[in-house]
Structure formats: C-alpha cells, structure tokens
C-alpha cells in the first residue's frame, strides 16, 4: 500500500513557476513508476509526465520543454518543476504511483491533488 501527498500548488501569473512535490509512504519506492496527471473542470484526467525506476521520463506535448519530472528515491518523493506557466495549465494536479507485476497486473495509487492556477 502506498499513500501519496501532493504539495506545492498555488496561484501564479502567466510566465511564473511552481514546483510540485509528491511524497510517498511505503516500501520499495523504486519499483513504482511515478506520474503526474492533471484534470480540468468537467474533463477527464490527462497525463502530464511519468518517470520510472530507471529515471526514464515521458511528457505530454503540452508541457514538454516547460515541465521536468524527477524523483528522489531516498525520500520517496517525486517532483514536477513547472516553468513558463500558461493560463491553460490551470488544473488540479495529482500524482500516481504504479507498480506493474510480472503477470501484467498493475496497482495504481493516487494522491488527492494540488490546485494550480495561472492567472493575471
């Protein structure tokens, strides 16, 4: 079982920066692929970025070059520094920890999210 708590959200003007953190509990943090997702009002959650145990990363086209996902396995934490924020980045940001088993089954754990608002 993994519990995730996000922090670092807030309100910034366009062009501003924020750094989101996702602190996880539990053991063997390295086996989890960590992901950041965001949800706009009335829309489904969408992928922002992922990082696996080997620190391989992937980004959505909307954030590539502006956001950088990273992780510190020693303290069970994933990060999402966000630069050059735009009003269209306004959303609820959540992190997910995914563990994939040999038989293909996956366990997903979600945090409650942190709100990011970009507005002048």
C-alpha atoms as a PDB file:
ATOM      1  CA  UNK A   1       0.000   0.000   0.000  1.00  0.00           C
ATOM      2  CA  UNK A   2       1.276   3.462  -0.914  1.00  0.00           C
ATOM      3  CA  UNK A   3      -0.073   6.773   0.265  1.00  0.00           C
ATOM      4  CA  UNK A   4       0.739   9.882  -1.732  1.00  0.00           C
ATOM      5  CA  UNK A   5       0.511  13.512  -0.679  1.00  0.00           C
ATOM      6  CA  UNK A   6       0.992  16.347  -3.149  1.00  0.00           C
ATOM      7  CA  UNK A   7       2.096  19.860  -2.293  1.00  0.00           C
ATOM      8  CA  UNK A   8       3.410  22.974  -3.972  1.00  0.00           C
ATOM      9  CA  UNK A   9       0.350  24.149  -5.847  1.00  0.00           C
ATOM     10  CA  UNK A  10      -0.788  27.737  -5.803  1.00  0.00           C
ATOM     11  CA  UNK A  11      -1.671  30.757  -7.870  1.00  0.00           C
ATOM     12  CA  UNK A  12       0.864  32.425 -10.161  1.00  0.00           C
ATOM     13  CA  UNK A  13       0.738  34.878 -13.064  1.00  0.00           C
ATOM     14  CA  UNK A  14       1.413  33.735 -16.628  1.00  0.00           C
ATOM     15  CA  UNK A  15       5.100  33.039 -17.126  1.00  0.00           C
ATOM     16  CA  UNK A  16       5.546  32.094 -13.489  1.00  0.00           C
ATOM     17  CA  UNK A  17       6.902  28.922 -11.959  1.00  0.00           C
ATOM     18  CA  UNK A  18       5.883  26.379  -9.370  1.00  0.00           C
ATOM     19  CA  UNK A  19       7.391  23.141  -8.105  1.00  0.00           C
ATOM     20  CA  UNK A  20       5.045  20.344  -7.173  1.00  0.00           C
ATOM     21  CA  UNK A  21       6.084  17.572  -4.792  1.00  0.00           C
ATOM     22  CA  UNK A  22       4.593  14.149  -4.251  1.00  0.00           C
ATOM     23  CA  UNK A  23       5.645  12.439  -1.029  1.00  0.00           C
ATOM     24  CA  UNK A  24       5.016   8.722  -0.805  1.00  0.00           C
ATOM     25  CA  UNK A  25       4.848   6.310   2.080  1.00  0.00           C
ATOM     26  CA  UNK A  26       5.564   2.606   1.997  1.00  0.00           C
ATOM     27  CA  UNK A  27       8.479   0.465   0.941  1.00  0.00           C
ATOM     28  CA  UNK A  28      10.334  -0.175  -2.311  1.00  0.00           C
ATOM     29  CA  UNK A  29       9.584   3.195  -3.826  1.00  0.00           C
ATOM     30  CA  UNK A  30      11.928   2.440  -6.715  1.00  0.00           C
ATOM     31  CA  UNK A  31       9.622  -0.210  -8.146  1.00  0.00           C
ATOM     32  CA  UNK A  32       6.907   2.350  -8.797  1.00  0.00           C
ATOM     33  CA  UNK A  33       6.574   4.401 -11.921  1.00  0.00           C
ATOM     34  CA  UNK A  34       5.570   7.855 -10.789  1.00  0.00           C
ATOM     35  CA  UNK A  35       3.303  10.024 -12.840  1.00  0.00           C
ATOM     36  CA  UNK A  36       1.795  13.489 -12.722  1.00  0.00           C
ATOM     37  CA  UNK A  37      -1.663  13.998 -14.141  1.00  0.00           C
ATOM     38  CA  UNK A  38      -3.961  16.985 -14.321  1.00  0.00           C
ATOM     39  CA  UNK A  39      -7.668  17.451 -14.556  1.00  0.00           C
ATOM     40  CA  UNK A  40      -9.520  20.422 -15.947  1.00  0.00           C
ATOM     41  CA  UNK A  41     -13.038  21.184 -14.724  1.00  0.00           C
ATOM     42  CA  UNK A  42     -15.513  18.926 -16.471  1.00  0.00           C
ATOM     43  CA  UNK A  43     -12.787  16.976 -18.246  1.00  0.00           C
ATOM     44  CA  UNK A  44     -11.068  13.656 -17.717  1.00  0.00           C
ATOM     45  CA  UNK A  45      -7.671  13.445 -16.126  1.00  0.00           C
ATOM     46  CA  UNK A  46      -4.776  13.665 -18.574  1.00  0.00           C
ATOM     47  CA  UNK A  47      -1.172  12.563 -18.379  1.00  0.00           C
ATOM     48  CA  UNK A  48       1.441  15.254 -17.784  1.00  0.00           C
ATOM     49  CA  UNK A  49       4.669  13.326 -17.193  1.00  0.00           C
ATOM     50  CA  UNK A  50       5.993   9.999 -15.953  1.00  0.00           C
ATOM     51  CA  UNK A  51       9.277   8.728 -14.563  1.00  0.00           C
ATOM     52  CA  UNK A  52      10.106   5.082 -13.963  1.00  0.00           C
ATOM     53  CA  UNK A  53      12.513   3.480 -11.528  1.00  0.00           C
ATOM     54  CA  UNK A  54      15.331   3.872 -14.018  1.00  0.00           C
ATOM     55  CA  UNK A  55      14.544   7.567 -14.311  1.00  0.00           C
ATOM     56  CA  UNK A  56      13.301   7.265 -17.861  1.00  0.00           C
ATOM     57  CA  UNK A  57      10.853  10.092 -18.465  1.00  0.00           C
ATOM     58  CA  UNK A  58       7.985  10.892 -20.768  1.00  0.00           C
ATOM     59  CA  UNK A  59       5.974  14.097 -21.229  1.00  0.00           C
ATOM     60  CA  UNK A  60       2.820  15.230 -22.896  1.00  0.00           C
ATOM     61  CA  UNK A  61       3.357  17.516 -25.853  1.00  0.00           C
ATOM     62  CA  UNK A  62       1.616  20.332 -23.994  1.00  0.00           C
ATOM     63  CA  UNK A  63       4.273  20.538 -21.268  1.00  0.00           C
ATOM     64  CA  UNK A  64       7.449  19.206 -22.889  1.00  0.00           C
ATOM     65  CA  UNK A  65      10.245  21.716 -22.515  1.00  0.00           C
ATOM     66  CA  UNK A  66       8.495  23.587 -19.703  1.00  0.00           C
ATOM     67  CA  UNK A  67       7.966  20.914 -17.036  1.00  0.00           C
ATOM     68  CA  UNK A  68      10.578  18.493 -15.696  1.00  0.00           C
ATOM     69  CA  UNK A  69       9.709  15.381 -13.711  1.00  0.00           C
ATOM     70  CA  UNK A  70      12.237  13.941 -11.270  1.00  0.00           C
ATOM     71  CA  UNK A  71      12.363  11.693  -8.239  1.00  0.00           C
ATOM     72  CA  UNK A  72      14.382  11.213  -5.093  1.00  0.00           C
ATOM     73  CA  UNK A  73      14.049   7.587  -4.086  1.00  0.00           C
ATOM     74  CA  UNK A  74      15.901   8.155  -0.816  1.00  0.00           C
ATOM     75  CA  UNK A  75      12.966  10.187   0.481  1.00  0.00           C
ATOM     76  CA  UNK A  76      10.171   8.613  -1.585  1.00  0.00           C
ATOM     77  CA  UNK A  77       9.381  11.847  -3.373  1.00  0.00           C
ATOM     78  CA  UNK A  78       8.632  12.831  -6.950  1.00  0.00           C
ATOM     79  CA  UNK A  79       8.816  16.401  -8.216  1.00  0.00           C
ATOM     80  CA  UNK A  80       7.389  18.457 -11.033  1.00  0.00           C
ATOM     81  CA  UNK A  81       9.043  21.827 -11.514  1.00  0.00           C
ATOM     82  CA  UNK A  82       6.867  23.851 -13.867  1.00  0.00           C
ATOM     83  CA  UNK A  83       8.172  26.868 -15.742  1.00  0.00           C
ATOM     84  CA  UNK A  84       6.644  29.327 -18.206  1.00  0.00           C
ATOM     85  CA  UNK A  85       3.201  28.565 -16.875  1.00  0.00           C
ATOM     86  CA  UNK A  86       0.205  29.439 -19.033  1.00  0.00           C
ATOM     87  CA  UNK A  87      -3.435  30.010 -18.108  1.00  0.00           C
ATOM     88  CA  UNK A  88      -4.270  26.732 -19.859  1.00  0.00           C
ATOM     89  CA  UNK A  89      -2.107  24.926 -17.295  1.00  0.00           C
ATOM     90  CA  UNK A  90      -4.704  25.746 -14.637  1.00  0.00           C
ATOM     91  CA  UNK A  91      -5.907  22.408 -13.274  1.00  0.00           C
ATOM     92  CA  UNK A  92      -5.897  20.017 -10.349  1.00  0.00           C
ATOM     93  CA  UNK A  93      -2.572  18.163 -10.436  1.00  0.00           C
ATOM     94  CA  UNK A  94      -2.364  14.675  -8.973  1.00  0.00           C
ATOM     95  CA  UNK A  95       0.406  12.147  -8.709  1.00  0.00           C
ATOM     96  CA  UNK A  96       0.139   8.426  -9.230  1.00  0.00           C
ATOM     97  CA  UNK A  97       2.370   5.539  -8.253  1.00  0.00           C
ATOM     98  CA  UNK A  98       2.071   2.461 -10.458  1.00  0.00           C
ATOM     99  CA  UNK A  99       3.512  -0.947  -9.723  1.00  0.00           C
ATOM    100  CA  UNK A 100       3.471  -3.454 -12.537  1.00  0.00           C
ATOM    101  CA  UNK A 101       3.665  -7.161 -11.775  1.00  0.00           C
ATOM    102  CA  UNK A 102       5.198  -9.906 -13.899  1.00  0.00           C
ATOM    103  CA  UNK A 103       1.748 -11.216 -14.822  1.00  0.00           C
ATOM    104  CA  UNK A 104       0.812  -7.804 -16.219  1.00  0.00           C
ATOM    105  CA  UNK A 105      -1.391  -6.734 -13.349  1.00  0.00           C
ATOM    106  CA  UNK A 106      -0.931  -3.181 -12.132  1.00  0.00           C
ATOM    107  CA  UNK A 107      -1.623  -1.473  -8.821  1.00  0.00           C
ATOM    108  CA  UNK A 108      -2.256   2.255  -9.009  1.00  0.00           C
ATOM    109  CA  UNK A 109      -2.209   4.619  -6.059  1.00  0.00           C
ATOM    110  CA  UNK A 110      -3.329   8.241  -6.265  1.00  0.00           C
ATOM    111  CA  UNK A 111      -2.882  11.351  -4.209  1.00  0.00           C
ATOM    112  CA  UNK A 112      -5.689  13.832  -3.659  1.00  0.00           C
ATOM    113  CA  UNK A 113      -4.146  16.520  -5.792  1.00  0.00           C
ATOM    114  CA  UNK A 114      -2.972  20.098  -5.530  1.00  0.00           C
ATOM    115  CA  UNK A 115      -4.544  23.020  -7.366  1.00  0.00           C
ATOM    116  CA  UNK A 116      -2.514  25.094  -9.805  1.00  0.00           C
ATOM    117  CA  UNK A 117      -3.996  28.370 -11.006  1.00  0.00           C
ATOM    118  CA  UNK A 118      -2.318  30.551 -13.613  1.00  0.00           C
ATOM    119  CA  UNK A 119      -3.966  33.923 -13.925  1.00  0.00           C
ATOM    120  CA  UNK A 120      -3.086  37.565 -14.200  1.00  0.00           C
END
